[in-house]
Amino acid sequence: MRGAPLALRVQYPAENQVIASRDSNFILGAVGSGDAALTINGIPVAVAANGAFIGWLPNPTGTSPSYVLQAVRGADTARRTLRIRYPARRPLAAGGSLVVDSASLAPGGRTRAQQGEFLRVTLRAPYN
């Protein structure tokens, strides 16, 4: 809807939602107007003619991660800060038998690779 009032609405993720993704995530919502320009954490995100948007962004860093959304149309500006959380990581013992954080294994599930193709595998384990 072109010319409609700016109104930032986020469908996903919800405020304070736990985000399990490791490096990036999408954010989905609407700005209220299809002729607005949108940035999320300073990254431009395309806005559809009906005001909807979907952005694929790097996960925010820091002790209080959040997405800062800003929609601008002419002299009008709407801002919103959406806080998210990450799953708590249990500490891994520095001694004893080797323990691997199975939730940190990537890639997860079944993965196929061609002969000679490199496959990056990551996991979280104590330094011992």
N, C-alpha and C. Protein backbone atom coordinates (compact mmCIF):
# COMPACT_ATOMS: atom_id res chain seq x y z
N MET A 1 0.83 -1.17 0.00
CA MET A 1 0.00 0.00 0.00
C MET A 1 0.88 1.24 0.00
N ARG A 2 0.96 1.86 -1.10
CA ARG A 2 1.79 3.06 -1.20
C ARG A 2 1.08 4.22 -0.52
N GLY A 3 1.85 5.02 0.19
CA GLY A 3 1.32 6.19 0.84
C GLY A 3 0.69 5.94 2.20
N ALA A 4 0.58 4.68 2.62
CA ALA A 4 0.01 4.37 3.94
C ALA A 4 0.98 4.83 5.03
N PRO A 5 0.48 5.04 6.25
CA PRO A 5 1.37 5.47 7.34
C PRO A 5 2.43 4.40 7.64
N LEU A 6 3.61 4.86 8.06
CA LEU A 6 4.66 3.92 8.45
C LEU A 6 4.28 3.25 9.77
N ALA A 7 4.39 1.95 9.81
CA ALA A 7 4.10 1.18 11.03
C ALA A 7 4.92 -0.10 10.95
N LEU A 8 6.01 -0.17 11.70
CA LEU A 8 6.88 -1.35 11.68
C LEU A 8 6.25 -2.50 12.46
N ARG A 9 6.01 -3.59 11.76
CA ARG A 9 5.50 -4.81 12.40
C ARG A 9 6.42 -5.96 12.02
N VAL A 10 6.77 -6.78 13.00
CA VAL A 10 7.64 -7.93 12.76
C VAL A 10 6.85 -9.19 13.09
N GLN A 11 6.75 -10.09 12.11
CA GLN A 11 6.08 -11.38 12.32
C GLN A 11 7.05 -12.40 12.91
N TYR A 12 8.28 -12.39 12.43
CA TYR A 12 9.31 -13.31 12.91
C TYR A 12 10.64 -12.61 12.85
N PRO A 13 11.44 -12.73 13.88
CA PRO A 13 11.22 -13.42 15.15
C PRO A 13 10.43 -12.54 16.10
N ALA A 14 9.90 -13.15 17.15
CA ALA A 14 9.16 -12.41 18.18
C ALA A 14 10.16 -11.74 19.12
N GLU A 15 9.69 -10.74 19.85
CA GLU A 15 10.52 -10.07 20.85
C GLU A 15 11.02 -11.11 21.86
N ASN A 16 12.32 -11.09 22.15
CA ASN A 16 12.99 -12.00 23.09
C ASN A 16 12.95 -13.46 22.68
N GLN A 17 12.69 -13.75 21.42
CA GLN A 17 12.69 -15.14 20.96
C GLN A 17 14.10 -15.69 20.96
N VAL A 18 14.22 -16.97 21.30
CA VAL A 18 15.52 -17.65 21.24
C VAL A 18 15.77 -18.05 19.79
N ILE A 19 16.90 -17.60 19.26
CA ILE A 19 17.30 -17.89 17.87
C ILE A 19 18.40 -18.94 17.91
N ALA A 20 18.16 -20.09 17.34
CA ALA A 20 19.14 -21.18 17.40
C ALA A 20 20.12 -21.16 16.24
N SER A 21 19.89 -20.35 15.22
CA SER A 21 20.79 -20.33 14.07
C SER A 21 22.17 -19.85 14.49
N ARG A 22 23.19 -20.27 13.75
CA ARG A 22 24.56 -20.00 14.15
C ARG A 22 25.12 -18.70 13.59
N ASP A 23 24.77 -18.34 12.36
CA ASP A 23 25.42 -17.17 11.77
C ASP A 23 24.48 -16.16 11.14
N SER A 24 23.30 -16.60 10.71
CA SER A 24 22.37 -15.67 10.07
C SER A 24 20.94 -16.14 10.31
N ASN A 25 20.02 -15.23 10.06
CA ASN A 25 18.61 -15.50 10.32
C ASN A 25 17.78 -14.59 9.43
N PHE A 26 16.53 -14.98 9.20
CA PHE A 26 15.67 -14.07 8.44
C PHE A 26 14.78 -13.31 9.40
N ILE A 27 14.31 -12.17 8.96
CA ILE A 27 13.36 -11.36 9.71
C ILE A 27 12.26 -10.98 8.73
N LEU A 28 11.01 -11.16 9.16
CA LEU A 28 9.85 -11.05 8.29
C LEU A 28 8.84 -10.10 8.91
N GLY A 29 8.29 -9.21 8.10
CA GLY A 29 7.30 -8.28 8.63
C GLY A 29 6.78 -7.32 7.59
N ALA A 30 6.34 -6.15 8.05
CA ALA A 30 5.80 -5.12 7.17
C ALA A 30 6.12 -3.75 7.75
N VAL A 31 6.23 -2.78 6.84
CA VAL A 31 6.52 -1.41 7.26
C VAL A 31 5.30 -0.50 7.15
N GLY A 32 4.21 -0.99 6.57
CA GLY A 32 2.99 -0.20 6.46
C GLY A 32 2.84 0.50 5.13
N SER A 33 3.94 0.66 4.39
CA SER A 33 3.89 1.39 3.12
C SER A 33 4.91 0.81 2.14
N GLY A 34 4.48 0.57 0.92
CA GLY A 34 5.37 0.01 -0.09
C GLY A 34 6.37 0.99 -0.66
N ASP A 35 6.23 2.27 -0.35
CA ASP A 35 7.19 3.24 -0.88
C ASP A 35 8.18 3.71 0.17
N ALA A 36 8.36 2.91 1.23
CA ALA A 36 9.33 3.24 2.27
C ALA A 36 10.64 2.50 2.01
N ALA A 37 11.72 3.08 2.50
CA ALA A 37 13.03 2.42 2.46
C ALA A 37 13.27 1.83 3.85
N LEU A 38 13.79 0.61 3.90
CA LEU A 38 14.00 -0.08 5.17
C LEU A 38 15.45 -0.49 5.33
N THR A 39 15.99 -0.28 6.52
CA THR A 39 17.29 -0.85 6.88
C THR A 39 17.10 -1.60 8.19
N ILE A 40 17.85 -2.70 8.30
CA ILE A 40 17.87 -3.47 9.54
C ILE A 40 19.33 -3.63 9.92
N ASN A 41 19.69 -3.11 11.08
CA ASN A 41 21.08 -3.06 11.52
C ASN A 41 21.97 -2.43 10.45
N GLY A 42 21.42 -1.40 9.77
CA GLY A 42 22.16 -0.66 8.77
C GLY A 42 22.21 -1.31 7.40
N ILE A 43 21.61 -2.49 7.24
CA ILE A 43 21.62 -3.21 5.96
C ILE A 43 20.31 -2.94 5.23
N PRO A 44 20.36 -2.46 3.98
CA PRO A 44 19.12 -2.21 3.23
C PRO A 44 18.36 -3.52 2.98
N VAL A 45 17.04 -3.47 3.17
CA VAL A 45 16.16 -4.62 2.94
C VAL A 45 15.06 -4.17 2.00
N ALA A 46 14.81 -4.95 0.96
CA ALA A 46 13.78 -4.61 -0.03
C ALA A 46 12.39 -4.65 0.59
N VAL A 47 11.55 -3.70 0.19
CA VAL A 47 10.16 -3.62 0.64
C VAL A 47 9.26 -3.83 -0.57
N ALA A 48 8.31 -4.76 -0.46
CA ALA A 48 7.37 -5.03 -1.55
C ALA A 48 6.35 -3.91 -1.66
N ALA A 49 5.61 -3.87 -2.76
CA ALA A 49 4.62 -2.82 -3.01
C ALA A 49 3.55 -2.76 -1.91
N ASN A 50 3.27 -3.90 -1.27
CA ASN A 50 2.27 -3.92 -0.20
C ASN A 50 2.86 -3.60 1.17
N GLY A 51 4.17 -3.28 1.23
CA GLY A 51 4.82 -2.92 2.48
C GLY A 51 5.49 -4.08 3.20
N ALA A 52 5.35 -5.31 2.69
CA ALA A 52 5.94 -6.47 3.33
C ALA A 52 7.45 -6.54 3.05
N PHE A 53 8.18 -7.20 3.94
CA PHE A 53 9.61 -7.40 3.72
C PHE A 53 10.04 -8.73 4.31
N ILE A 54 11.12 -9.25 3.76
CA ILE A 54 11.83 -10.39 4.35
C ILE A 54 13.31 -10.12 4.12
N GLY A 55 14.04 -10.12 5.19
CA GLY A 55 15.48 -9.86 5.09
C GLY A 55 16.26 -11.03 5.67
N TRP A 56 17.35 -11.39 5.03
CA TRP A 56 18.25 -12.43 5.51
C TRP A 56 19.50 -11.71 5.99
N LEU A 57 19.76 -11.77 7.30
CA LEU A 57 20.80 -10.94 7.89
C LEU A 57 21.74 -11.73 8.78
N PRO A 58 22.95 -11.22 8.97
CA PRO A 58 23.85 -11.84 9.96
C PRO A 58 23.24 -11.72 11.35
N ASN A 59 23.48 -12.72 12.18
CA ASN A 59 23.00 -12.65 13.56
C ASN A 59 23.67 -11.49 14.28
N PRO A 60 22.90 -10.72 15.06
CA PRO A 60 23.50 -9.63 15.83
C PRO A 60 24.45 -10.19 16.90
N THR A 61 25.48 -9.44 17.21
CA THR A 61 26.45 -9.86 18.21
C THR A 61 26.25 -9.05 19.48
N GLY A 62 27.04 -9.37 20.49
CA GLY A 62 27.01 -8.61 21.74
C GLY A 62 26.24 -9.34 22.83
N THR A 63 26.26 -8.75 24.00
CA THR A 63 25.61 -9.37 25.15
C THR A 63 24.10 -9.16 25.15
N SER A 64 23.61 -8.20 24.39
CA SER A 64 22.18 -7.94 24.27
C SER A 64 21.84 -7.82 22.78
N PRO A 65 21.81 -8.97 22.06
CA PRO A 65 21.63 -8.90 20.61
C PRO A 65 20.25 -8.37 20.23
N SER A 66 20.22 -7.55 19.19
CA SER A 66 18.95 -6.99 18.74
C SER A 66 19.03 -6.60 17.27
N TYR A 67 17.87 -6.51 16.66
CA TYR A 67 17.72 -5.97 15.31
C TYR A 67 17.17 -4.55 15.45
N VAL A 68 17.81 -3.60 14.80
CA VAL A 68 17.33 -2.22 14.80
C VAL A 68 16.77 -1.94 13.41
N LEU A 69 15.46 -1.75 13.35
CA LEU A 69 14.76 -1.51 12.10
C LEU A 69 14.49 -0.03 11.96
N GLN A 70 14.69 0.50 10.75
CA GLN A 70 14.38 1.90 10.47
C GLN A 70 13.74 2.00 9.09
N ALA A 71 12.52 2.50 9.06
CA ALA A 71 11.81 2.73 7.81
C ALA A 71 11.74 4.23 7.59
N VAL A 72 12.02 4.66 6.35
CA VAL A 72 12.02 6.08 6.01
C VAL A 72 11.22 6.28 4.73
N ARG A 73 10.36 7.30 4.76
CA ARG A 73 9.64 7.73 3.56
C ARG A 73 9.55 9.24 3.63
N GLY A 74 10.31 9.89 2.79
CA GLY A 74 10.35 11.35 2.82
C GLY A 74 10.86 11.83 4.17
N ALA A 75 10.08 12.68 4.83
CA ALA A 75 10.46 13.22 6.14
C ALA A 75 10.00 12.32 7.29
N ASP A 76 9.22 11.25 6.99
CA ASP A 76 8.72 10.35 8.02
C ASP A 76 9.73 9.24 8.30
N THR A 77 9.92 8.93 9.57
CA THR A 77 10.81 7.85 9.99
C THR A 77 10.15 7.06 11.10
N ALA A 78 10.24 5.74 11.00
CA ALA A 78 9.76 4.86 12.08
C ALA A 78 10.93 3.96 12.48
N ARG A 79 11.13 3.80 13.78
CA ARG A 79 12.23 2.96 14.29
C ARG A 79 11.67 1.95 15.26
N ARG A 80 12.33 0.81 15.30
CA ARG A 80 11.97 -0.23 16.26
C ARG A 80 13.20 -1.06 16.57
N THR A 81 13.38 -1.41 17.83
CA THR A 81 14.44 -2.31 18.24
C THR A 81 13.80 -3.60 18.70
N LEU A 82 14.23 -4.70 18.13
CA LEU A 82 13.70 -6.03 18.44
C LEU A 82 14.81 -6.85 19.08
N ARG A 83 14.66 -7.14 20.37
CA ARG A 83 15.68 -7.92 21.08
C ARG A 83 15.43 -9.41 20.86
N ILE A 84 16.54 -10.15 20.72
CA ILE A 84 16.47 -11.60 20.59
C ILE A 84 17.42 -12.23 21.60
N ARG A 85 17.36 -13.53 21.74
CA ARG A 85 18.27 -14.26 22.63
C ARG A 85 18.83 -15.46 21.88
N TYR A 86 19.92 -15.97 22.39
CA TYR A 86 20.52 -17.19 21.87
C TYR A 86 20.44 -18.27 22.93
N PRO A 87 20.43 -19.54 22.54
CA PRO A 87 20.35 -20.60 23.54
C PRO A 87 21.54 -20.54 24.49
N ALA A 88 21.28 -20.86 25.74
CA ALA A 88 22.37 -20.89 26.72
C ALA A 88 23.28 -22.07 26.40
N ARG A 89 24.55 -21.84 26.48
CA ARG A 89 25.51 -22.92 26.25
C ARG A 89 26.01 -23.41 27.60
N ARG A 90 25.96 -24.71 27.79
CA ARG A 90 26.48 -25.25 29.04
C ARG A 90 28.00 -25.25 28.97
N PRO A 91 28.64 -24.98 30.09
CA PRO A 91 30.09 -25.00 30.09
C PRO A 91 30.59 -26.42 29.89
N LEU A 92 31.71 -26.57 29.20
CA LEU A 92 32.31 -27.88 28.97
C LEU A 92 33.49 -28.05 29.92
N ALA A 93 33.57 -29.22 30.54
CA ALA A 93 34.64 -29.50 31.50
C ALA A 93 36.00 -29.49 30.80
N ALA A 94 37.00 -28.94 31.49
CA ALA A 94 38.34 -28.87 30.92
C ALA A 94 39.13 -30.15 31.19
N GLY A 95 38.60 -31.06 31.97
CA GLY A 95 39.30 -32.30 32.28
C GLY A 95 38.39 -33.49 32.06
N GLY A 96 38.95 -34.67 32.20
CA GLY A 96 38.18 -35.90 32.04
C GLY A 96 38.06 -36.30 30.58
N SER A 97 37.06 -37.12 30.30
CA SER A 97 36.90 -37.62 28.94
C SER A 97 36.39 -36.50 28.02
N LEU A 98 36.68 -36.67 26.75
CA LEU A 98 36.27 -35.68 25.75
C LEU A 98 34.76 -35.66 25.62
N VAL A 99 34.18 -34.49 25.68
CA VAL A 99 32.75 -34.31 25.51
C VAL A 99 32.56 -33.31 24.39
N VAL A 100 31.66 -33.63 23.46
CA VAL A 100 31.35 -32.74 22.35
C VAL A 100 29.93 -32.24 22.53
N ASP A 101 29.74 -30.94 22.35
CA ASP A 101 28.41 -30.34 22.41
C ASP A 101 27.68 -30.74 21.13
N SER A 102 26.80 -31.75 21.21
CA SER A 102 26.15 -32.29 20.01
C SER A 102 25.26 -31.25 19.32
N ALA A 103 24.78 -30.26 20.05
CA ALA A 103 23.96 -29.21 19.44
C ALA A 103 24.79 -28.30 18.54
N SER A 104 26.12 -28.36 18.67
CA SER A 104 26.97 -27.47 17.89
C SER A 104 27.46 -28.12 16.59
N LEU A 105 27.15 -29.39 16.37
CA LEU A 105 27.63 -30.08 15.17
C LEU A 105 27.04 -29.46 13.91
N ALA A 106 27.91 -29.18 12.96
CA ALA A 106 27.45 -28.65 11.68
C ALA A 106 28.34 -29.20 10.58
N PRO A 107 27.84 -29.62 9.48
CA PRO A 107 26.41 -29.61 9.14
C PRO A 107 25.67 -30.70 9.91
N GLY A 108 24.39 -30.46 10.15
CA GLY A 108 23.57 -31.42 10.87
C GLY A 108 22.87 -32.35 9.89
N GLY A 109 22.43 -33.48 10.37
CA GLY A 109 21.70 -34.42 9.52
C GLY A 109 22.60 -35.06 8.49
N ARG A 110 22.00 -35.55 7.44
CA ARG A 110 22.75 -36.21 6.37
C ARG A 110 23.26 -35.18 5.38
N THR A 111 24.50 -35.33 4.99
CA THR A 111 25.10 -34.43 4.01
C THR A 111 25.81 -35.25 2.96
N ARG A 112 25.64 -34.89 1.73
CA ARG A 112 26.32 -35.58 0.64
C ARG A 112 27.38 -34.67 0.05
N ALA A 113 28.48 -35.29 -0.33
CA ALA A 113 29.56 -34.54 -0.98
C ALA A 113 30.13 -35.40 -2.10
N GLN A 114 30.58 -34.75 -3.13
CA GLN A 114 31.22 -35.44 -4.25
C GLN A 114 32.65 -35.79 -3.87
N GLN A 115 33.19 -36.82 -4.49
CA GLN A 115 34.58 -37.19 -4.24
C GLN A 115 35.48 -36.00 -4.58
N GLY A 116 36.38 -35.67 -3.65
CA GLY A 116 37.29 -34.55 -3.84
C GLY A 116 36.72 -33.21 -3.39
N GLU A 117 35.44 -33.17 -3.06
CA GLU A 117 34.82 -31.92 -2.62
C GLU A 117 35.14 -31.70 -1.14
N PHE A 118 35.48 -30.47 -0.78
CA PHE A 118 35.75 -30.15 0.62
C PHE A 118 34.44 -29.93 1.36
N LEU A 119 34.41 -30.38 2.60
CA LEU A 119 33.23 -30.22 3.44
C LEU A 119 33.70 -29.69 4.79
N ARG A 120 33.22 -28.53 5.15
CA ARG A 120 33.61 -27.93 6.42
C ARG A 120 32.74 -28.51 7.53
N VAL A 121 33.37 -29.01 8.56
CA VAL A 121 32.68 -29.59 9.71
C VAL A 121 33.10 -28.81 10.95
N THR A 122 32.13 -28.40 11.77
CA THR A 122 32.44 -27.67 12.99
C THR A 122 31.76 -28.33 14.17
N LEU A 123 32.37 -28.15 15.35
CA LEU A 123 31.79 -28.63 16.59
C LEU A 123 32.39 -27.85 17.74
N ARG A 124 31.75 -27.93 18.88
CA ARG A 124 32.23 -27.25 20.08
C ARG A 124 32.69 -28.33 21.06
N ALA A 125 33.92 -28.18 21.54
CA ALA A 125 34.50 -29.13 22.48
C ALA A 125 35.46 -28.38 23.40
N PRO A 126 35.76 -28.93 24.58
CA PRO A 126 36.73 -28.27 25.46
C PRO A 126 38.13 -28.32 24.87
N TYR A 127 38.98 -27.45 25.34
CA TYR A 127 40.33 -27.35 24.77
C TYR A 127 41.19 -28.56 25.06
N ASN A 128 40.79 -29.46 25.97
CA ASN A 128 41.61 -30.63 26.26
C ASN A 128 41.46 -31.68 25.20
